[in-house]
Amino acid sequence: MTSIFAADGKQTACTIIEAGPNVVTQVKTQETDGYTALQLAFGDKKEKHSVKAELNHFAKANTAPKKFTKEFRNYSIEKTLGETITVDIFAEGDTVEVVGTTKGKGFQGVVKRHGFSGVGEATHGQHDRQRAPGSIGNSSDASRVFKGMRMAGRMGGDRVKLKGLKVVKIFPEKNYILISGSVPGHNGSIVLIQK
């Protein structure tokens, strides 16, 4: 993340995203596929790391192999095979949604995962129970632990959509886009930006 200053001196925290160039590698139509969609590809990939099916698929679009492909249904912009989509489709001040996978934090306890406060006092017989979950089940009535009980477990690695983020600035020569606030994922991760 970084921050920029407006003309009035107000500071805005931003995330820099490289949003292109994205190549149109397939155009689906109602007649041939039963629905309309565009398939976009991003990120260069060596030919030796690609299978023949991928090489032939990208050769139809007259482009080098790419790492990531994504299909967009009901796309409003008319594009043909092999065309490039850049950050020019966005404008400063646009409101966008960003979809990504959050950072994985591994197996975490209830204090970090669910915000439990722990026992609180470290004395009066509390040897190693400060961050323990406490009782989780019932006695003879239910005789089981209910589904959805907040317990320790894997945390992070979830698909998240952040809405209402603003496009602060665009650098078309480098295909960079500055979005206000933070976006899900680690540095270098792939995110999806939607208008």
N, C-alpha and C. Protein backbone atom coordinates (compact mmCIF):
# COMPACT_ATOMS: atom_id res chain seq x y z
N MET A 1 0.83 -1.19 0.00
CA MET A 1 0.00 0.00 0.00
C MET A 1 0.87 1.24 0.00
N THR A 2 0.26 2.33 -0.41
CA THR A 2 0.92 3.62 -0.41
C THR A 2 -0.13 4.67 -0.10
N SER A 3 0.25 5.91 -0.17
CA SER A 3 -0.72 6.99 0.05
C SER A 3 -0.37 8.16 -0.85
N ILE A 4 -1.41 8.91 -1.23
CA ILE A 4 -1.21 10.10 -2.04
C ILE A 4 -1.93 11.26 -1.37
N PHE A 5 -1.53 12.46 -1.76
CA PHE A 5 -2.12 13.66 -1.19
C PHE A 5 -2.94 14.38 -2.26
N ALA A 6 -4.13 14.81 -1.87
CA ALA A 6 -4.99 15.57 -2.78
C ALA A 6 -4.54 17.02 -2.80
N ALA A 7 -5.20 17.83 -3.65
CA ALA A 7 -4.83 19.24 -3.78
C ALA A 7 -5.08 20.01 -2.48
N ASP A 8 -6.08 19.57 -1.70
CA ASP A 8 -6.38 20.25 -0.44
C ASP A 8 -5.54 19.74 0.72
N GLY A 9 -4.59 18.82 0.45
CA GLY A 9 -3.71 18.31 1.48
C GLY A 9 -4.21 17.07 2.18
N LYS A 10 -5.36 16.54 1.77
CA LYS A 10 -5.91 15.35 2.41
C LYS A 10 -5.17 14.11 1.92
N GLN A 11 -4.78 13.25 2.87
CA GLN A 11 -4.03 12.05 2.55
C GLN A 11 -5.00 10.88 2.37
N THR A 12 -4.77 10.07 1.31
CA THR A 12 -5.61 8.91 1.03
C THR A 12 -4.73 7.68 0.92
N ALA A 13 -5.05 6.64 1.69
CA ALA A 13 -4.33 5.37 1.60
C ALA A 13 -4.79 4.63 0.36
N CYS A 14 -3.85 4.11 -0.44
CA CYS A 14 -4.18 3.49 -1.72
C CYS A 14 -3.41 2.18 -1.90
N THR A 15 -3.94 1.36 -2.78
CA THR A 15 -3.27 0.15 -3.22
C THR A 15 -2.98 0.26 -4.70
N ILE A 16 -1.75 -0.05 -5.10
CA ILE A 16 -1.38 0.00 -6.52
C ILE A 16 -1.62 -1.38 -7.13
N ILE A 17 -2.37 -1.40 -8.23
CA ILE A 17 -2.68 -2.65 -8.92
C ILE A 17 -2.26 -2.52 -10.37
N GLU A 18 -1.55 -3.53 -10.86
CA GLU A 18 -1.21 -3.59 -12.28
C GLU A 18 -2.38 -4.27 -12.99
N ALA A 19 -3.13 -3.51 -13.77
CA ALA A 19 -4.38 -4.02 -14.36
C ALA A 19 -4.26 -4.16 -15.87
N GLY A 20 -3.31 -4.89 -16.32
CA GLY A 20 -3.24 -5.12 -17.75
C GLY A 20 -1.80 -5.16 -18.22
N PRO A 21 -1.62 -5.32 -19.51
CA PRO A 21 -2.66 -5.45 -20.53
C PRO A 21 -3.29 -6.84 -20.53
N ASN A 22 -4.61 -6.87 -20.72
CA ASN A 22 -5.37 -8.11 -20.78
C ASN A 22 -5.74 -8.37 -22.24
N VAL A 23 -5.43 -9.56 -22.71
CA VAL A 23 -5.68 -9.92 -24.11
C VAL A 23 -6.96 -10.73 -24.21
N VAL A 24 -7.79 -10.41 -25.21
CA VAL A 24 -9.01 -11.19 -25.46
C VAL A 24 -8.59 -12.47 -26.17
N THR A 25 -8.74 -13.62 -25.49
CA THR A 25 -8.30 -14.90 -26.06
C THR A 25 -9.45 -15.74 -26.58
N GLN A 26 -10.70 -15.36 -26.25
CA GLN A 26 -11.85 -16.08 -26.79
C GLN A 26 -13.08 -15.19 -26.70
N VAL A 27 -13.88 -15.20 -27.75
CA VAL A 27 -15.14 -14.46 -27.78
C VAL A 27 -16.25 -15.47 -27.93
N LYS A 28 -17.13 -15.58 -26.93
CA LYS A 28 -18.24 -16.53 -26.98
C LYS A 28 -19.51 -15.78 -27.37
N THR A 29 -20.28 -16.37 -28.26
CA THR A 29 -21.50 -15.74 -28.74
C THR A 29 -22.70 -16.63 -28.46
N GLN A 30 -23.88 -16.05 -28.63
CA GLN A 30 -25.12 -16.79 -28.39
C GLN A 30 -25.27 -17.93 -29.39
N GLU A 31 -24.83 -17.72 -30.63
CA GLU A 31 -25.02 -18.73 -31.67
C GLU A 31 -24.11 -19.95 -31.46
N THR A 32 -22.86 -19.71 -31.10
CA THR A 32 -21.90 -20.81 -31.00
C THR A 32 -21.87 -21.46 -29.62
N ASP A 33 -22.05 -20.67 -28.56
CA ASP A 33 -21.87 -21.20 -27.21
C ASP A 33 -23.14 -21.15 -26.35
N GLY A 34 -24.15 -20.45 -26.81
CA GLY A 34 -25.39 -20.37 -26.03
C GLY A 34 -25.43 -19.20 -25.07
N TYR A 35 -24.34 -18.46 -24.97
CA TYR A 35 -24.29 -17.26 -24.13
C TYR A 35 -23.16 -16.37 -24.63
N THR A 36 -23.17 -15.11 -24.21
CA THR A 36 -22.13 -14.19 -24.65
C THR A 36 -21.12 -14.00 -23.53
N ALA A 37 -19.85 -14.01 -23.88
CA ALA A 37 -18.78 -13.83 -22.89
C ALA A 37 -17.49 -13.49 -23.59
N LEU A 38 -16.59 -12.89 -22.82
CA LEU A 38 -15.22 -12.63 -23.26
C LEU A 38 -14.27 -13.35 -22.32
N GLN A 39 -13.25 -13.99 -22.88
CA GLN A 39 -12.21 -14.59 -22.06
C GLN A 39 -10.97 -13.71 -22.16
N LEU A 40 -10.51 -13.23 -21.00
CA LEU A 40 -9.33 -12.37 -20.94
C LEU A 40 -8.18 -13.15 -20.32
N ALA A 41 -6.95 -12.86 -20.79
CA ALA A 41 -5.75 -13.51 -20.27
C ALA A 41 -4.77 -12.46 -19.80
N PHE A 42 -4.02 -12.80 -18.74
CA PHE A 42 -3.08 -11.85 -18.14
C PHE A 42 -1.83 -12.59 -17.68
N GLY A 43 -0.69 -11.94 -17.77
CA GLY A 43 0.56 -12.49 -17.24
C GLY A 43 1.27 -13.39 -18.23
N ASP A 44 2.46 -13.03 -18.65
CA ASP A 44 3.20 -13.83 -19.63
C ASP A 44 3.71 -15.11 -19.01
N LYS A 45 3.84 -16.12 -19.86
CA LYS A 45 4.25 -17.46 -19.43
C LYS A 45 5.17 -18.04 -20.52
N LYS A 46 6.18 -18.77 -20.12
CA LYS A 46 7.09 -19.37 -21.09
C LYS A 46 6.39 -20.50 -21.84
N GLU A 47 6.78 -20.67 -23.10
CA GLU A 47 6.16 -21.73 -23.91
C GLU A 47 6.46 -23.11 -23.37
N LYS A 48 7.65 -23.29 -22.80
CA LYS A 48 8.02 -24.62 -22.30
C LYS A 48 7.19 -25.04 -21.09
N HIS A 49 6.51 -24.08 -20.45
CA HIS A 49 5.66 -24.38 -19.31
C HIS A 49 4.19 -24.52 -19.71
N SER A 50 3.91 -24.55 -21.01
CA SER A 50 2.54 -24.64 -21.49
C SER A 50 2.34 -25.95 -22.24
N VAL A 51 1.13 -26.49 -22.15
CA VAL A 51 0.79 -27.69 -22.92
C VAL A 51 0.34 -27.27 -24.31
N LYS A 52 0.24 -28.24 -25.23
CA LYS A 52 -0.07 -27.92 -26.62
C LYS A 52 -1.46 -27.31 -26.76
N ALA A 53 -2.40 -27.74 -25.96
CA ALA A 53 -3.75 -27.19 -26.04
C ALA A 53 -3.74 -25.69 -25.72
N GLU A 54 -2.97 -25.31 -24.71
CA GLU A 54 -2.85 -23.89 -24.37
C GLU A 54 -2.17 -23.11 -25.50
N LEU A 55 -1.10 -23.66 -26.04
CA LEU A 55 -0.38 -22.97 -27.10
C LEU A 55 -1.27 -22.72 -28.31
N ASN A 56 -2.07 -23.73 -28.68
CA ASN A 56 -2.98 -23.57 -29.83
C ASN A 56 -4.09 -22.57 -29.51
N HIS A 57 -4.56 -22.59 -28.28
CA HIS A 57 -5.63 -21.67 -27.88
C HIS A 57 -5.15 -20.22 -27.96
N PHE A 58 -3.95 -19.96 -27.45
CA PHE A 58 -3.42 -18.59 -27.49
C PHE A 58 -2.95 -18.21 -28.89
N ALA A 59 -2.57 -19.20 -29.73
CA ALA A 59 -2.14 -18.90 -31.09
C ALA A 59 -3.31 -18.36 -31.92
N LYS A 60 -4.53 -18.80 -31.63
CA LYS A 60 -5.70 -18.27 -32.34
C LYS A 60 -5.86 -16.78 -32.10
N ALA A 61 -5.48 -16.33 -30.90
CA ALA A 61 -5.57 -14.90 -30.57
C ALA A 61 -4.29 -14.16 -30.95
N ASN A 62 -3.32 -14.90 -31.53
CA ASN A 62 -2.04 -14.31 -31.97
C ASN A 62 -1.31 -13.65 -30.80
N THR A 63 -1.23 -14.38 -29.68
CA THR A 63 -0.54 -13.86 -28.50
C THR A 63 0.29 -14.96 -27.86
N ALA A 64 1.23 -14.56 -27.03
CA ALA A 64 2.07 -15.51 -26.30
C ALA A 64 1.25 -16.18 -25.20
N PRO A 65 1.70 -17.33 -24.70
CA PRO A 65 0.95 -17.99 -23.61
C PRO A 65 0.85 -17.10 -22.37
N LYS A 66 -0.25 -17.22 -21.68
CA LYS A 66 -0.52 -16.41 -20.49
C LYS A 66 -0.72 -17.31 -19.29
N LYS A 67 -0.50 -16.74 -18.09
CA LYS A 67 -0.63 -17.51 -16.85
C LYS A 67 -2.08 -17.65 -16.41
N PHE A 68 -2.85 -16.58 -16.52
CA PHE A 68 -4.19 -16.57 -15.95
C PHE A 68 -5.22 -16.22 -17.01
N THR A 69 -6.35 -16.93 -16.99
CA THR A 69 -7.47 -16.60 -17.86
C THR A 69 -8.73 -16.49 -17.03
N LYS A 70 -9.63 -15.61 -17.45
CA LYS A 70 -10.89 -15.40 -16.73
C LYS A 70 -11.97 -15.05 -17.74
N GLU A 71 -13.14 -15.66 -17.57
CA GLU A 71 -14.26 -15.41 -18.47
C GLU A 71 -15.22 -14.41 -17.84
N PHE A 72 -15.64 -13.43 -18.65
CA PHE A 72 -16.58 -12.42 -18.20
C PHE A 72 -17.85 -12.53 -19.04
N ARG A 73 -18.95 -12.85 -18.38
CA ARG A 73 -20.22 -12.97 -19.10
C ARG A 73 -20.88 -11.62 -19.27
N ASN A 74 -21.68 -11.50 -20.34
CA ASN A 74 -22.45 -10.29 -20.63
C ASN A 74 -21.57 -9.04 -20.59
N TYR A 75 -20.46 -9.11 -21.25
CA TYR A 75 -19.51 -8.00 -21.28
C TYR A 75 -20.07 -6.90 -22.17
N SER A 76 -20.03 -5.65 -21.70
CA SER A 76 -20.67 -4.55 -22.42
C SER A 76 -19.80 -4.00 -23.55
N ILE A 77 -18.49 -4.16 -23.47
CA ILE A 77 -17.59 -3.61 -24.49
C ILE A 77 -17.39 -4.64 -25.60
N GLU A 78 -17.58 -4.20 -26.85
CA GLU A 78 -17.41 -5.10 -27.99
C GLU A 78 -15.92 -5.19 -28.35
N LYS A 79 -15.39 -6.38 -28.27
CA LYS A 79 -13.98 -6.61 -28.61
C LYS A 79 -13.87 -7.82 -29.52
N THR A 80 -12.80 -7.86 -30.29
CA THR A 80 -12.55 -9.00 -31.16
C THR A 80 -11.36 -9.79 -30.63
N LEU A 81 -11.17 -10.97 -31.19
CA LEU A 81 -10.12 -11.87 -30.75
C LEU A 81 -8.74 -11.23 -30.94
N GLY A 82 -7.92 -11.24 -29.89
CA GLY A 82 -6.57 -10.69 -29.96
C GLY A 82 -6.45 -9.25 -29.55
N GLU A 83 -7.57 -8.56 -29.33
CA GLU A 83 -7.50 -7.16 -28.89
C GLU A 83 -7.04 -7.09 -27.45
N THR A 84 -6.56 -5.91 -27.06
CA THR A 84 -6.04 -5.70 -25.72
C THR A 84 -6.94 -4.75 -24.94
N ILE A 85 -7.19 -5.10 -23.69
CA ILE A 85 -7.96 -4.23 -22.79
C ILE A 85 -7.00 -3.72 -21.72
N THR A 86 -6.96 -2.41 -21.54
CA THR A 86 -6.06 -1.79 -20.56
C THR A 86 -6.87 -1.06 -19.51
N VAL A 87 -6.18 -0.27 -18.69
CA VAL A 87 -6.85 0.48 -17.62
C VAL A 87 -7.69 1.62 -18.15
N ASP A 88 -7.69 1.83 -19.47
CA ASP A 88 -8.47 2.93 -20.04
C ASP A 88 -9.97 2.74 -19.85
N ILE A 89 -10.42 1.53 -19.53
CA ILE A 89 -11.86 1.31 -19.33
C ILE A 89 -12.32 1.90 -17.99
N PHE A 90 -11.37 2.24 -17.11
CA PHE A 90 -11.69 2.87 -15.83
C PHE A 90 -11.42 4.37 -15.93
N ALA A 91 -12.06 5.12 -15.07
CA ALA A 91 -11.84 6.56 -15.00
C ALA A 91 -11.66 6.95 -13.54
N GLU A 92 -10.91 8.02 -13.30
CA GLU A 92 -10.71 8.47 -11.92
C GLU A 92 -12.04 8.88 -11.32
N GLY A 93 -12.30 8.38 -10.11
CA GLY A 93 -13.55 8.66 -9.43
C GLY A 93 -14.56 7.53 -9.55
N ASP A 94 -14.28 6.51 -10.39
CA ASP A 94 -15.20 5.37 -10.52
C ASP A 94 -15.26 4.59 -9.21
N THR A 95 -16.42 4.00 -8.95
CA THR A 95 -16.58 3.08 -7.81
C THR A 95 -16.45 1.67 -8.34
N VAL A 96 -15.57 0.87 -7.73
CA VAL A 96 -15.30 -0.49 -8.21
C VAL A 96 -15.44 -1.48 -7.06
N GLU A 97 -15.53 -2.76 -7.46
CA GLU A 97 -15.49 -3.87 -6.52
C GLU A 97 -14.23 -4.68 -6.80
N VAL A 98 -13.56 -5.12 -5.75
CA VAL A 98 -12.33 -5.90 -5.91
C VAL A 98 -12.54 -7.26 -5.24
N VAL A 99 -12.30 -8.32 -6.01
CA VAL A 99 -12.46 -9.69 -5.51
C VAL A 99 -11.08 -10.33 -5.44
N GLY A 100 -10.78 -10.96 -4.32
CA GLY A 100 -9.48 -11.63 -4.16
C GLY A 100 -9.53 -12.66 -3.05
N THR A 101 -8.44 -13.37 -2.88
CA THR A 101 -8.31 -14.37 -1.82
C THR A 101 -7.44 -13.80 -0.71
N THR A 102 -7.97 -13.82 0.52
CA THR A 102 -7.26 -13.22 1.65
C THR A 102 -6.01 -14.03 2.00
N LYS A 103 -5.15 -13.41 2.77
CA LYS A 103 -3.94 -14.08 3.23
C LYS A 103 -4.30 -15.28 4.10
N GLY A 104 -3.62 -16.40 3.89
CA GLY A 104 -3.82 -17.57 4.73
C GLY A 104 -3.02 -17.43 6.02
N LYS A 105 -3.67 -17.67 7.14
CA LYS A 105 -3.01 -17.51 8.45
C LYS A 105 -2.80 -18.84 9.16
N GLY A 106 -3.18 -19.94 8.53
CA GLY A 106 -2.95 -21.25 9.13
C GLY A 106 -3.93 -21.57 10.25
N PHE A 107 -3.55 -22.52 11.08
CA PHE A 107 -4.41 -22.96 12.18
C PHE A 107 -4.28 -21.97 13.34
N GLN A 108 -5.38 -21.33 13.71
CA GLN A 108 -5.36 -20.31 14.76
C GLN A 108 -6.33 -20.67 15.88
N GLY A 109 -6.05 -20.14 17.05
CA GLY A 109 -6.91 -20.37 18.20
C GLY A 109 -8.11 -19.45 18.20
N VAL A 110 -8.95 -19.58 19.23
CA VAL A 110 -10.21 -18.83 19.27
C VAL A 110 -9.98 -17.35 19.55
N VAL A 111 -8.91 -16.99 20.24
CA VAL A 111 -8.66 -15.58 20.55
C VAL A 111 -8.38 -14.81 19.26
N LYS A 112 -7.53 -15.33 18.39
CA LYS A 112 -7.21 -14.65 17.14
C LYS A 112 -8.31 -14.85 16.10
N ARG A 113 -8.88 -16.05 16.04
CA ARG A 113 -9.83 -16.36 14.98
C ARG A 113 -11.20 -15.73 15.20
N HIS A 114 -11.68 -15.74 16.44
CA HIS A 114 -13.03 -15.26 16.72
C HIS A 114 -13.08 -14.09 17.71
N GLY A 115 -11.93 -13.65 18.20
CA GLY A 115 -11.92 -12.50 19.09
C GLY A 115 -12.31 -12.82 20.51
N PHE A 116 -12.17 -14.06 20.96
CA PHE A 116 -12.43 -14.39 22.35
C PHE A 116 -11.44 -13.62 23.23
N SER A 117 -11.85 -13.30 24.45
CA SER A 117 -11.00 -12.50 25.32
C SER A 117 -10.09 -13.35 26.20
N GLY A 118 -10.30 -14.64 26.26
CA GLY A 118 -9.49 -15.49 27.12
C GLY A 118 -9.96 -15.41 28.56
N VAL A 119 -9.22 -16.02 29.48
CA VAL A 119 -9.63 -16.07 30.88
C VAL A 119 -9.51 -14.71 31.55
N GLY A 120 -8.50 -13.94 31.19
CA GLY A 120 -8.35 -12.62 31.78
C GLY A 120 -7.35 -12.59 32.90
N GLU A 121 -7.63 -13.26 34.00
CA GLU A 121 -6.70 -13.28 35.13
C GLU A 121 -5.70 -14.40 34.96
N ALA A 122 -4.46 -14.13 35.28
CA ALA A 122 -3.41 -15.13 35.13
C ALA A 122 -3.14 -15.87 36.43
N THR A 123 -3.80 -15.46 37.52
CA THR A 123 -3.57 -16.11 38.81
C THR A 123 -4.76 -17.01 39.16
N HIS A 124 -4.86 -17.40 40.40
CA HIS A 124 -5.97 -18.23 40.91
C HIS A 124 -6.10 -19.53 40.14
N GLY A 125 -4.97 -20.22 40.00
CA GLY A 125 -5.02 -21.56 39.42
C GLY A 125 -5.01 -21.61 37.90
N GLN A 126 -4.93 -20.45 37.21
CA GLN A 126 -4.90 -20.47 35.74
C GLN A 126 -3.46 -20.68 35.30
N HIS A 127 -3.11 -21.93 35.06
CA HIS A 127 -1.73 -22.21 34.70
C HIS A 127 -1.48 -21.92 33.22
N ASP A 128 -2.22 -22.59 32.32
CA ASP A 128 -1.98 -22.41 30.88
C ASP A 128 -3.31 -22.30 30.14
N ARG A 129 -4.30 -21.65 30.78
CA ARG A 129 -5.63 -21.60 30.20
C ARG A 129 -6.03 -20.20 29.72
N GLN A 130 -5.08 -19.29 29.61
CA GLN A 130 -5.45 -17.90 29.30
C GLN A 130 -6.14 -17.77 27.95
N ARG A 131 -5.71 -18.53 26.95
CA ARG A 131 -6.26 -18.40 25.60
C ARG A 131 -7.08 -19.61 25.19
N ALA A 132 -7.55 -20.37 26.14
CA ALA A 132 -8.32 -21.58 25.84
C ALA A 132 -9.78 -21.23 25.56
N PRO A 133 -10.51 -22.05 24.80
CA PRO A 133 -11.89 -21.72 24.43
C PRO A 133 -12.89 -21.91 25.56
N GLY A 134 -12.60 -22.76 26.52
CA GLY A 134 -13.58 -23.01 27.57
C GLY A 134 -14.53 -24.11 27.17
N SER A 135 -15.69 -24.18 27.82
CA SER A 135 -16.66 -25.23 27.55
C SER A 135 -17.29 -25.05 26.17
N ILE A 136 -17.52 -26.16 25.46
CA ILE A 136 -18.06 -26.06 24.10
C ILE A 136 -19.38 -26.81 23.93
N GLY A 137 -19.74 -27.70 24.82
CA GLY A 137 -20.92 -28.53 24.58
C GLY A 137 -21.88 -28.52 25.75
N ASN A 138 -22.96 -29.29 25.60
CA ASN A 138 -23.97 -29.42 26.64
C ASN A 138 -23.80 -30.73 27.37
N SER A 139 -24.65 -30.92 28.35
CA SER A 139 -24.63 -32.14 29.15
C SER A 139 -25.49 -33.20 28.47
N SER A 140 -26.38 -33.82 29.21
CA SER A 140 -27.13 -34.95 28.67
C SER A 140 -28.27 -34.53 27.75
N ASP A 141 -28.62 -33.24 27.73
CA ASP A 141 -29.76 -32.82 26.93
C ASP A 141 -29.46 -32.92 25.43
N ALA A 142 -28.47 -32.22 25.00
CA ALA A 142 -28.12 -32.33 23.57
C ALA A 142 -27.11 -33.43 23.33
N SER A 143 -26.21 -33.61 24.26
CA SER A 143 -25.19 -34.66 24.19
C SER A 143 -24.33 -34.56 22.93
N ARG A 144 -24.13 -33.37 22.45
CA ARG A 144 -23.31 -33.19 21.26
C ARG A 144 -22.88 -31.73 21.18
N VAL A 145 -21.97 -31.46 20.26
CA VAL A 145 -21.55 -30.10 19.98
C VAL A 145 -22.28 -29.64 18.72
N PHE A 146 -22.95 -28.51 18.78
CA PHE A 146 -23.74 -28.03 17.65
C PHE A 146 -22.82 -27.59 16.50
N LYS A 147 -23.33 -27.75 15.27
CA LYS A 147 -22.59 -27.31 14.10
C LYS A 147 -22.43 -25.79 14.14
N GLY A 148 -21.28 -25.32 13.66
CA GLY A 148 -21.03 -23.88 13.63
C GLY A 148 -20.45 -23.33 14.91
N MET A 149 -20.14 -24.18 15.87
CA MET A 149 -19.54 -23.72 17.12
C MET A 149 -18.20 -23.06 16.82
N ARG A 150 -18.00 -21.89 17.38
CA ARG A 150 -16.75 -21.15 17.12
C ARG A 150 -15.61 -21.80 17.89
N MET A 151 -14.71 -22.41 17.14
CA MET A 151 -13.58 -23.12 17.72
C MET A 151 -12.32 -22.78 16.95
N ALA A 152 -11.22 -23.34 17.39
CA ALA A 152 -9.95 -23.13 16.69
C ALA A 152 -10.00 -23.82 15.34
N GLY A 153 -9.24 -23.31 14.38
CA GLY A 153 -9.21 -23.93 13.05
C GLY A 153 -8.47 -23.06 12.05
N ARG A 154 -8.56 -23.47 10.79
CA ARG A 154 -7.90 -22.77 9.70
C ARG A 154 -8.50 -21.37 9.54
N MET A 155 -7.65 -20.39 9.36
CA MET A 155 -8.09 -19.00 9.24
C MET A 155 -7.48 -18.39 7.99
N GLY A 156 -8.25 -17.58 7.29
CA GLY A 156 -7.77 -16.93 6.08
C GLY A 156 -7.96 -17.81 4.86
N GLY A 157 -7.46 -17.32 3.72
CA GLY A 157 -7.60 -18.07 2.48
C GLY A 157 -9.02 -18.07 1.95
N ASP A 158 -9.81 -17.05 2.27
CA ASP A 158 -11.21 -16.97 1.84
C ASP A 158 -11.34 -16.02 0.65
N ARG A 159 -12.31 -16.31 -0.21
CA ARG A 159 -12.62 -15.41 -1.33
C ARG A 159 -13.47 -14.27 -0.80
N VAL A 160 -13.00 -13.04 -1.01
CA VAL A 160 -13.64 -11.87 -0.42
C VAL A 160 -13.88 -10.84 -1.52
N LYS A 161 -15.04 -10.16 -1.45
CA LYS A 161 -15.34 -9.07 -2.37
C LYS A 161 -15.49 -7.80 -1.55
N LEU A 162 -14.68 -6.79 -1.87
CA LEU A 162 -14.78 -5.48 -1.23
C LEU A 162 -15.50 -4.53 -2.17
N LYS A 163 -16.56 -3.92 -1.68
CA LYS A 163 -17.38 -3.04 -2.52
C LYS A 163 -17.14 -1.59 -2.16
N GLY A 164 -17.46 -0.71 -3.09
CA GLY A 164 -17.42 0.72 -2.82
C GLY A 164 -16.04 1.34 -2.77
N LEU A 165 -15.05 0.72 -3.41
CA LEU A 165 -13.71 1.31 -3.46
C LEU A 165 -13.63 2.30 -4.61
N LYS A 166 -12.90 3.37 -4.41
CA LYS A 166 -12.80 4.44 -5.42
C LYS A 166 -11.49 4.33 -6.20
N VAL A 167 -11.57 4.61 -7.49
CA VAL A 167 -10.38 4.72 -8.32
C VAL A 167 -9.81 6.12 -8.11
N VAL A 168 -8.63 6.20 -7.50
CA VAL A 168 -8.04 7.49 -7.15
C VAL A 168 -7.24 8.06 -8.31
N LYS A 169 -6.42 7.22 -8.93
CA LYS A 169 -5.56 7.71 -10.02
C LYS A 169 -5.27 6.56 -10.96
N ILE A 170 -5.01 6.92 -12.23
CA ILE A 170 -4.70 5.93 -13.25
C ILE A 170 -3.40 6.35 -13.95
N PHE A 171 -2.52 5.36 -14.16
CA PHE A 171 -1.28 5.57 -14.91
C PHE A 171 -1.35 4.71 -16.17
N PRO A 172 -1.91 5.24 -17.29
CA PRO A 172 -2.14 4.39 -18.47
C PRO A 172 -0.86 3.89 -19.13
N GLU A 173 0.25 4.62 -18.99
CA GLU A 173 1.48 4.17 -19.65
C GLU A 173 2.05 2.91 -19.01
N LYS A 174 1.77 2.68 -17.73
CA LYS A 174 2.26 1.49 -17.04
C LYS A 174 1.13 0.52 -16.68
N ASN A 175 -0.12 0.86 -17.01
CA ASN A 175 -1.30 0.06 -16.68
C ASN A 175 -1.47 -0.10 -15.18
N TYR A 176 -1.11 0.93 -14.43
CA TYR A 176 -1.30 0.93 -12.98
C TYR A 176 -2.60 1.66 -12.65
N ILE A 177 -3.26 1.18 -11.62
CA ILE A 177 -4.48 1.81 -11.13
C ILE A 177 -4.36 1.91 -9.61
N LEU A 178 -4.64 3.09 -9.07
CA LEU A 178 -4.60 3.31 -7.63
C LEU A 178 -6.02 3.25 -7.10
N ILE A 179 -6.26 2.36 -6.15
CA ILE A 179 -7.59 2.17 -5.57
C ILE A 179 -7.51 2.53 -4.10
N SER A 180 -8.49 3.29 -3.62
CA SER A 180 -8.49 3.72 -2.22
C SER A 180 -8.67 2.52 -1.30
N GLY A 181 -7.93 2.53 -0.20
CA GLY A 181 -8.05 1.47 0.79
C GLY A 181 -7.24 0.23 0.44
N SER A 182 -7.51 -0.84 1.17
CA SER A 182 -6.78 -2.09 0.97
C SER A 182 -7.62 -3.07 0.17
N VAL A 183 -6.94 -4.02 -0.47
CA VAL A 183 -7.62 -5.07 -1.22
C VAL A 183 -7.18 -6.41 -0.64
N PRO A 184 -8.00 -7.46 -0.79
CA PRO A 184 -7.64 -8.75 -0.21
C PRO A 184 -6.46 -9.40 -0.93
N GLY A 185 -5.64 -10.11 -0.18
CA GLY A 185 -4.54 -10.87 -0.77
C GLY A 185 -3.18 -10.33 -0.41
N HIS A 186 -2.18 -11.16 -0.66
CA HIS A 186 -0.79 -10.78 -0.39
C HIS A 186 -0.23 -9.99 -1.55
N ASN A 187 0.96 -9.47 -1.39
CA ASN A 187 1.64 -8.74 -2.48
C ASN A 187 1.87 -9.68 -3.66
N GLY A 188 1.49 -9.25 -4.84
CA GLY A 188 1.68 -10.06 -6.02
C GLY A 188 0.54 -11.01 -6.33
N SER A 189 -0.52 -11.00 -5.52
CA SER A 189 -1.63 -11.90 -5.77
C SER A 189 -2.52 -11.35 -6.89
N ILE A 190 -3.34 -12.21 -7.45
CA ILE A 190 -4.23 -11.85 -8.55
C ILE A 190 -5.60 -11.45 -7.97
N VAL A 191 -6.09 -10.29 -8.39
CA VAL A 191 -7.41 -9.81 -7.96
C VAL A 191 -8.24 -9.49 -9.19
N LEU A 192 -9.54 -9.42 -9.00
CA LEU A 192 -10.49 -9.11 -10.06
C LEU A 192 -11.14 -7.77 -9.75
N ILE A 193 -11.06 -6.83 -10.68
CA ILE A 193 -11.64 -5.50 -10.50
C ILE A 193 -12.89 -5.42 -11.37
N GLN A 194 -14.02 -5.09 -10.75
CA GLN A 194 -15.30 -4.98 -11.47
C GLN A 194 -15.87 -3.59 -11.28
N LYS A 195 -16.48 -3.07 -12.35
CA LYS A 195 -17.17 -1.78 -12.25
C LYS A 195 -18.53 -1.99 -11.60
